[in-house]
């Protein structure tokens, strides 16, 4: 995890870059990553603009419970464990997952296919 603070004239922008563990990893390693992410995210004042660039190895689905956070344009119907974790994180931080909010062609909604 890394971050950079871009100081502006009227506001600061914090860009966080995270690479999460894969779906097969233990829940303890995932929990520790999200705890660290939450500490870094909460370290900065709320009035700063926070942009989270990520590779969370997620499948974010179209569950109705996450609709305000993730929108309707996800490639997947159901979320995997990592998808639920990022949706919960975004919900608790009053944030949204933007790449699933806007319509795209299905070929543009993913960048890698698992061999299994």
N, C-alpha and C. Protein backbone atom coordinates (compact mmCIF):
# COMPACT_ATOMS: atom_id res chain seq x y z
N UNK A 1 0.84 -1.16 0.00
CA UNK A 1 0.00 0.00 0.00
C UNK A 1 0.89 1.23 0.00
N UNK A 2 0.54 2.17 -0.85
CA UNK A 2 1.28 3.42 -0.90
C UNK A 2 0.28 4.55 -1.12
N UNK A 3 0.70 5.76 -0.79
CA UNK A 3 -0.16 6.91 -1.01
C UNK A 3 0.68 8.13 -1.27
N UNK A 4 0.04 9.11 -1.89
CA UNK A 4 0.68 10.38 -2.17
C UNK A 4 -0.34 11.48 -1.85
N UNK A 5 0.15 12.56 -1.30
CA UNK A 5 -0.71 13.71 -0.99
C UNK A 5 -0.38 14.80 -2.00
N UNK A 6 -1.38 15.19 -2.76
CA UNK A 6 -1.23 16.27 -3.73
C UNK A 6 -1.84 17.52 -3.11
N UNK A 7 -1.00 18.47 -2.79
CA UNK A 7 -1.47 19.68 -2.13
C UNK A 7 -1.92 20.69 -3.17
N UNK A 8 -3.16 21.12 -3.03
CA UNK A 8 -3.73 22.08 -3.96
C UNK A 8 -3.98 23.42 -3.30
N UNK A 9 -4.41 24.36 -4.06
CA UNK A 9 -4.68 25.68 -3.54
C UNK A 9 -5.89 25.66 -2.60
N UNK A 10 -6.97 24.95 -2.99
CA UNK A 10 -8.19 24.95 -2.19
C UNK A 10 -8.43 23.65 -1.45
N UNK A 11 -7.86 22.56 -1.90
CA UNK A 11 -8.04 21.29 -1.20
C UNK A 11 -6.87 20.37 -1.53
N UNK A 12 -6.70 19.39 -0.69
CA UNK A 12 -5.68 18.37 -0.90
C UNK A 12 -6.33 17.11 -1.44
N UNK A 13 -5.59 16.39 -2.27
CA UNK A 13 -6.07 15.13 -2.84
C UNK A 13 -5.12 14.03 -2.38
N UNK A 14 -5.68 13.00 -1.77
CA UNK A 14 -4.89 11.85 -1.33
C UNK A 14 -5.19 10.71 -2.30
N UNK A 15 -4.16 10.17 -2.91
CA UNK A 15 -4.29 9.04 -3.82
C UNK A 15 -3.66 7.84 -3.14
N UNK A 16 -4.48 6.83 -2.84
CA UNK A 16 -4.00 5.60 -2.21
C UNK A 16 -3.95 4.51 -3.27
N UNK A 17 -2.88 3.73 -3.26
CA UNK A 17 -2.71 2.62 -4.20
C UNK A 17 -2.59 1.34 -3.39
N UNK A 18 -3.46 0.37 -3.66
CA UNK A 18 -3.51 -0.85 -2.86
C UNK A 18 -3.54 -2.04 -3.80
N UNK A 19 -2.79 -3.08 -3.45
CA UNK A 19 -2.88 -4.36 -4.14
C UNK A 19 -3.26 -5.39 -3.08
N UNK A 20 -4.46 -5.93 -3.17
CA UNK A 20 -4.97 -6.84 -2.15
C UNK A 20 -4.59 -8.28 -2.45
N UNK A 21 -4.78 -9.10 -1.44
CA UNK A 21 -4.50 -10.52 -1.59
C UNK A 21 -5.58 -11.18 -2.42
N UNK A 22 -5.27 -12.35 -2.96
CA UNK A 22 -6.23 -13.06 -3.80
C UNK A 22 -7.31 -13.70 -2.94
N UNK A 23 -8.30 -14.23 -3.60
CA UNK A 23 -9.47 -14.81 -2.92
C UNK A 23 -9.09 -16.03 -2.07
N UNK A 24 -8.04 -16.74 -2.45
CA UNK A 24 -7.65 -17.96 -1.76
C UNK A 24 -6.92 -17.71 -0.44
N UNK A 25 -6.43 -16.52 -0.22
CA UNK A 25 -5.66 -16.22 1.00
C UNK A 25 -6.53 -16.31 2.23
N UNK A 26 -5.89 -16.38 3.38
CA UNK A 26 -6.63 -16.54 4.63
C UNK A 26 -7.38 -15.26 5.00
N UNK A 27 -8.42 -15.44 5.79
CA UNK A 27 -9.20 -14.28 6.25
C UNK A 27 -8.35 -13.37 7.14
N UNK A 28 -7.38 -13.93 7.85
CA UNK A 28 -6.52 -13.10 8.70
C UNK A 28 -5.70 -12.11 7.88
N UNK A 29 -5.16 -12.56 6.75
CA UNK A 29 -4.37 -11.65 5.92
C UNK A 29 -5.26 -10.59 5.29
N UNK A 30 -6.48 -10.96 4.90
CA UNK A 30 -7.41 -9.98 4.34
C UNK A 30 -7.83 -8.98 5.41
N UNK A 31 -8.09 -9.48 6.62
CA UNK A 31 -8.50 -8.58 7.71
C UNK A 31 -7.40 -7.58 8.04
N UNK A 32 -6.16 -8.04 8.06
CA UNK A 32 -5.06 -7.13 8.38
C UNK A 32 -4.89 -6.06 7.29
N UNK A 33 -5.09 -6.44 6.02
CA UNK A 33 -5.01 -5.46 4.94
C UNK A 33 -6.08 -4.38 5.10
N UNK A 34 -7.31 -4.79 5.37
CA UNK A 34 -8.39 -3.82 5.50
C UNK A 34 -8.25 -2.98 6.77
N UNK A 35 -7.68 -3.53 7.82
CA UNK A 35 -7.40 -2.74 9.02
C UNK A 35 -6.37 -1.65 8.72
N UNK A 36 -5.31 -2.04 8.01
CA UNK A 36 -4.28 -1.07 7.62
C UNK A 36 -4.86 -0.01 6.68
N UNK A 37 -5.67 -0.44 5.73
CA UNK A 37 -6.31 0.50 4.81
C UNK A 37 -7.20 1.48 5.57
N UNK A 38 -7.95 0.99 6.53
CA UNK A 38 -8.83 1.85 7.31
C UNK A 38 -8.03 2.85 8.14
N UNK A 39 -6.91 2.43 8.71
CA UNK A 39 -6.07 3.34 9.49
C UNK A 39 -5.51 4.45 8.60
N UNK A 40 -5.01 4.10 7.43
CA UNK A 40 -4.45 5.09 6.52
C UNK A 40 -5.56 6.02 6.02
N UNK A 41 -6.71 5.45 5.67
CA UNK A 41 -7.83 6.23 5.16
C UNK A 41 -8.32 7.23 6.22
N UNK A 42 -8.40 6.78 7.47
CA UNK A 42 -8.89 7.64 8.56
C UNK A 42 -7.84 8.61 9.07
N UNK A 43 -6.59 8.40 8.71
CA UNK A 43 -5.50 9.27 9.15
C UNK A 43 -5.66 10.69 8.60
N UNK A 44 -6.22 10.79 7.40
CA UNK A 44 -6.36 12.08 6.74
C UNK A 44 -7.71 12.70 7.09
N UNK A 45 -7.79 14.03 7.14
CA UNK A 45 -9.05 14.69 7.46
C UNK A 45 -10.14 14.37 6.44
N UNK A 46 -11.39 14.42 6.88
CA UNK A 46 -12.52 14.07 6.03
C UNK A 46 -12.68 15.03 4.86
N UNK A 47 -12.23 16.27 5.00
CA UNK A 47 -12.45 17.24 3.94
C UNK A 47 -11.46 17.08 2.78
N UNK A 48 -10.44 16.24 2.92
CA UNK A 48 -9.56 15.95 1.79
C UNK A 48 -10.28 15.04 0.80
N UNK A 49 -9.97 15.19 -0.47
CA UNK A 49 -10.49 14.29 -1.49
C UNK A 49 -9.62 13.04 -1.47
N UNK A 50 -10.26 11.88 -1.36
CA UNK A 50 -9.52 10.61 -1.29
C UNK A 50 -9.88 9.75 -2.49
N UNK A 51 -8.86 9.36 -3.22
CA UNK A 51 -9.04 8.49 -4.38
C UNK A 51 -8.30 7.19 -4.09
N UNK A 52 -9.02 6.09 -4.16
CA UNK A 52 -8.44 4.79 -3.87
C UNK A 52 -8.29 4.02 -5.17
N UNK A 53 -7.04 3.87 -5.62
CA UNK A 53 -6.73 3.06 -6.80
C UNK A 53 -6.40 1.68 -6.28
N UNK A 54 -6.98 0.68 -6.91
CA UNK A 54 -6.86 -0.62 -6.28
C UNK A 54 -6.79 -1.76 -7.27
N UNK A 55 -6.23 -2.83 -6.79
CA UNK A 55 -6.38 -4.14 -7.41
C UNK A 55 -6.77 -5.06 -6.27
N UNK A 56 -8.06 -5.11 -5.98
CA UNK A 56 -8.55 -5.87 -4.83
C UNK A 56 -8.91 -7.30 -5.18
N UNK A 57 -8.67 -7.72 -6.40
CA UNK A 57 -8.99 -9.09 -6.82
C UNK A 57 -10.43 -9.43 -6.46
N UNK A 58 -11.35 -8.57 -6.89
CA UNK A 58 -12.73 -8.72 -6.49
C UNK A 58 -13.64 -9.07 -7.66
N UNK A 59 -14.76 -9.66 -7.31
CA UNK A 59 -15.91 -9.75 -8.19
C UNK A 59 -17.02 -9.03 -7.46
N UNK A 60 -17.32 -7.83 -7.91
CA UNK A 60 -18.37 -7.03 -7.29
C UNK A 60 -19.65 -7.31 -8.07
N UNK A 61 -20.65 -7.83 -7.38
CA UNK A 61 -21.90 -8.21 -8.02
C UNK A 61 -22.93 -7.11 -8.02
N UNK A 62 -24.14 -7.49 -8.39
CA UNK A 62 -25.24 -6.53 -8.48
C UNK A 62 -26.26 -6.73 -7.37
N UNK A 63 -25.82 -7.10 -6.18
CA UNK A 63 -26.75 -7.30 -5.08
C UNK A 63 -27.45 -5.99 -4.74
N UNK A 64 -28.73 -6.08 -4.45
CA UNK A 64 -29.52 -4.88 -4.16
C UNK A 64 -29.02 -4.14 -2.93
N UNK A 65 -28.48 -4.85 -1.97
CA UNK A 65 -28.03 -4.22 -0.73
C UNK A 65 -26.86 -3.26 -0.99
N UNK A 66 -26.05 -3.54 -2.01
CA UNK A 66 -24.89 -2.70 -2.32
C UNK A 66 -25.16 -1.71 -3.45
N UNK A 67 -26.38 -1.66 -3.95
CA UNK A 67 -26.69 -0.84 -5.11
C UNK A 67 -26.28 0.63 -4.96
N UNK A 68 -26.51 1.30 -3.83
CA UNK A 68 -26.07 2.70 -3.74
C UNK A 68 -24.55 2.86 -3.80
N UNK A 69 -23.82 1.82 -3.42
CA UNK A 69 -22.36 1.88 -3.38
C UNK A 69 -21.72 1.45 -4.68
N UNK A 70 -22.28 0.42 -5.34
CA UNK A 70 -21.62 -0.13 -6.52
C UNK A 70 -22.38 0.06 -7.82
N UNK A 71 -23.64 0.46 -7.77
CA UNK A 71 -24.39 0.71 -9.00
C UNK A 71 -24.91 -0.57 -9.64
N UNK A 72 -25.36 -0.45 -10.88
CA UNK A 72 -26.01 -1.56 -11.57
C UNK A 72 -25.19 -2.15 -12.71
N UNK A 73 -24.02 -1.64 -12.98
CA UNK A 73 -23.31 -2.03 -14.20
C UNK A 73 -22.10 -2.90 -13.96
N UNK A 74 -22.19 -3.78 -12.98
CA UNK A 74 -21.11 -4.73 -12.73
C UNK A 74 -21.18 -5.87 -13.73
N UNK A 75 -20.07 -6.49 -14.00
CA UNK A 75 -20.02 -7.64 -14.90
C UNK A 75 -20.63 -8.88 -14.24
N UNK A 76 -20.55 -8.98 -12.93
CA UNK A 76 -20.94 -10.19 -12.20
C UNK A 76 -22.30 -10.03 -11.54
N UNK A 77 -22.99 -11.13 -11.36
CA UNK A 77 -24.26 -11.13 -10.64
C UNK A 77 -24.02 -11.13 -9.13
N UNK A 78 -23.07 -11.95 -8.66
CA UNK A 78 -22.82 -12.12 -7.23
C UNK A 78 -21.39 -11.71 -6.90
N UNK A 79 -21.22 -11.16 -5.71
CA UNK A 79 -19.89 -10.76 -5.24
C UNK A 79 -19.18 -11.94 -4.60
N UNK A 80 -17.87 -11.98 -4.73
CA UNK A 80 -17.10 -12.94 -3.96
C UNK A 80 -16.73 -12.29 -2.61
N UNK A 81 -15.96 -12.98 -1.79
CA UNK A 81 -15.62 -12.47 -0.45
C UNK A 81 -14.91 -11.12 -0.53
N UNK A 82 -13.94 -11.00 -1.44
CA UNK A 82 -13.23 -9.73 -1.60
C UNK A 82 -14.18 -8.62 -2.08
N UNK A 83 -15.13 -8.97 -2.92
CA UNK A 83 -16.11 -7.99 -3.40
C UNK A 83 -16.99 -7.47 -2.28
N UNK A 84 -17.40 -8.37 -1.39
CA UNK A 84 -18.21 -7.97 -0.24
C UNK A 84 -17.39 -7.08 0.67
N UNK A 85 -16.12 -7.41 0.85
CA UNK A 85 -15.26 -6.60 1.72
C UNK A 85 -15.09 -5.18 1.19
N UNK A 86 -14.84 -5.02 -0.10
CA UNK A 86 -14.65 -3.67 -0.64
C UNK A 86 -15.96 -2.90 -0.66
N UNK A 87 -17.08 -3.57 -0.90
CA UNK A 87 -18.38 -2.89 -0.85
C UNK A 87 -18.68 -2.43 0.57
N UNK A 88 -18.39 -3.27 1.56
CA UNK A 88 -18.60 -2.87 2.96
C UNK A 88 -17.68 -1.72 3.35
N UNK A 89 -16.42 -1.77 2.91
CA UNK A 89 -15.49 -0.69 3.21
C UNK A 89 -15.98 0.62 2.61
N UNK A 90 -16.38 0.59 1.34
CA UNK A 90 -16.86 1.81 0.68
C UNK A 90 -18.12 2.33 1.35
N UNK A 91 -18.99 1.44 1.77
CA UNK A 91 -20.22 1.86 2.44
C UNK A 91 -19.92 2.54 3.76
N UNK A 92 -19.02 1.97 4.56
CA UNK A 92 -18.71 2.55 5.87
C UNK A 92 -17.97 3.87 5.74
N UNK A 93 -17.28 4.08 4.64
CA UNK A 93 -16.53 5.33 4.43
C UNK A 93 -17.31 6.34 3.61
N UNK A 94 -18.59 6.04 3.36
CA UNK A 94 -19.46 6.93 2.59
C UNK A 94 -18.85 7.23 1.22
N UNK A 95 -18.35 6.17 0.58
CA UNK A 95 -17.71 6.27 -0.73
C UNK A 95 -18.46 5.39 -1.72
N UNK A 96 -18.04 5.42 -2.97
CA UNK A 96 -18.64 4.59 -4.00
C UNK A 96 -17.55 3.91 -4.83
N UNK A 97 -17.92 2.80 -5.45
CA UNK A 97 -17.05 2.10 -6.39
C UNK A 97 -17.44 2.60 -7.77
N UNK A 98 -16.64 3.47 -8.35
CA UNK A 98 -17.03 4.17 -9.57
C UNK A 98 -16.98 3.32 -10.82
N UNK A 99 -16.10 2.34 -10.91
CA UNK A 99 -15.99 1.60 -12.16
C UNK A 99 -17.19 0.70 -12.43
N UNK A 100 -18.09 0.52 -11.44
CA UNK A 100 -19.30 -0.25 -11.67
C UNK A 100 -20.53 0.64 -11.72
N UNK A 101 -20.35 1.94 -11.76
CA UNK A 101 -21.47 2.88 -11.79
C UNK A 101 -21.91 3.24 -13.21
N UNK A 102 -21.02 3.11 -14.17
CA UNK A 102 -21.31 3.59 -15.52
C UNK A 102 -21.34 2.42 -16.50
N UNK A 103 -22.21 2.49 -17.50
CA UNK A 103 -22.28 1.39 -18.47
C UNK A 103 -21.04 1.34 -19.36
N UNK A 104 -20.55 0.13 -19.53
CA UNK A 104 -19.42 -0.15 -20.44
C UNK A 104 -19.74 -1.44 -21.18
N UNK A 105 -19.06 -1.69 -22.27
CA UNK A 105 -19.16 -2.99 -22.91
C UNK A 105 -18.56 -4.03 -21.97
N UNK A 106 -19.09 -5.24 -21.98
CA UNK A 106 -18.60 -6.28 -21.06
C UNK A 106 -17.11 -6.54 -21.22
N UNK A 107 -16.58 -6.43 -22.42
CA UNK A 107 -15.16 -6.68 -22.63
C UNK A 107 -14.28 -5.65 -21.91
N UNK A 108 -14.84 -4.48 -21.62
CA UNK A 108 -14.10 -3.42 -20.93
C UNK A 108 -14.24 -3.49 -19.41
N UNK A 109 -15.00 -4.44 -18.90
CA UNK A 109 -15.27 -4.51 -17.46
C UNK A 109 -14.31 -5.41 -16.71
N UNK A 110 -13.41 -6.05 -17.39
CA UNK A 110 -12.42 -6.88 -16.71
C UNK A 110 -11.10 -6.81 -17.46
N UNK A 111 -10.01 -7.21 -16.76
CA UNK A 111 -8.71 -7.14 -17.42
C UNK A 111 -7.95 -8.46 -17.35
N UNK A 112 -8.55 -9.46 -16.69
CA UNK A 112 -7.87 -10.74 -16.57
C UNK A 112 -8.90 -11.80 -16.29
N UNK A 113 -8.72 -12.98 -16.84
CA UNK A 113 -9.63 -14.10 -16.59
C UNK A 113 -8.86 -15.18 -15.85
N UNK A 114 -9.43 -15.62 -14.75
CA UNK A 114 -8.81 -16.67 -13.95
C UNK A 114 -8.75 -17.97 -14.74
N UNK A 115 -7.64 -18.72 -14.61
CA UNK A 115 -7.55 -19.98 -15.36
C UNK A 115 -8.54 -21.04 -14.88
N UNK A 116 -9.10 -20.87 -13.67
CA UNK A 116 -10.07 -21.86 -13.19
C UNK A 116 -11.47 -21.37 -13.40
